[in-house]
Amino acid sequence: MVKRTIFSREEMLEMNIKTLLERTVTVDEIVEVAFRQQARWNPDISRKEVLNSVEKILSLRDVFHLLQLGAEIDRLTDEHLIKGPIYDILKVDLGMFGIDELFGLELAGLYGTIGKTNFGDIDVNKPLVVDRLNEDGKHENGMCHTFMDDIVGAIAAAASTRVAQVSNEEEAKKDPTVEEIKLDLDI
């Protein structure tokens, strides 16, 4: 019997939320990081707008693949199923490893250069849940979050960027001298 490998956006959203919870992360925690980042530039945004963006991002196929693979690598590390020197590198989240940041950059890059810039800000400053995940992984008996802290930060960065893009599109529509251009903001 062939196993299913293609899922709807609704299914990917649901599976991503479940995987995040298994890795101790809630959607609300991601929303808070994205909200705080975007509120610095746009104090009028609402948490609902940010939640909509986080959920939209969690339903994307590329995000699904990155999140599921990163979570699985972290889980396998927790269960000592990864061997050799890579286990130790993952367990301590070695700063020179960098593959986890590639996952984050790829995910945030779905929203262009600003998405990547926002990810860099979150990766360096480690706000809220990103810091918790990073610190938890550093303890002897803590869960490995080598990939998850970067993935969560990247989701927040992408959501922050998407909120700005949607706000800019809505603002542009208010200007009567600007001809409306249909944009697909469904990503």
Foldseek 3Di string as FASTA:
>chain_A
DDDDDDDALVVQLVVLQVLCVVLVHHLVQLLVLLCVVLCVPPVPDDSVLLSVLLSLLSSDPLLSVLSVVLSVVLVCLLVVVDDDPVSVCQLQLDPVPCPLLVSLQVSLCVLPPQSNVQLVVCVVVVPDPLVVQNVQSNDPNGGRCSNVSSSSSSSSSNSNSLSVVVVVLVVQVVDPVDDRDDDPSSD
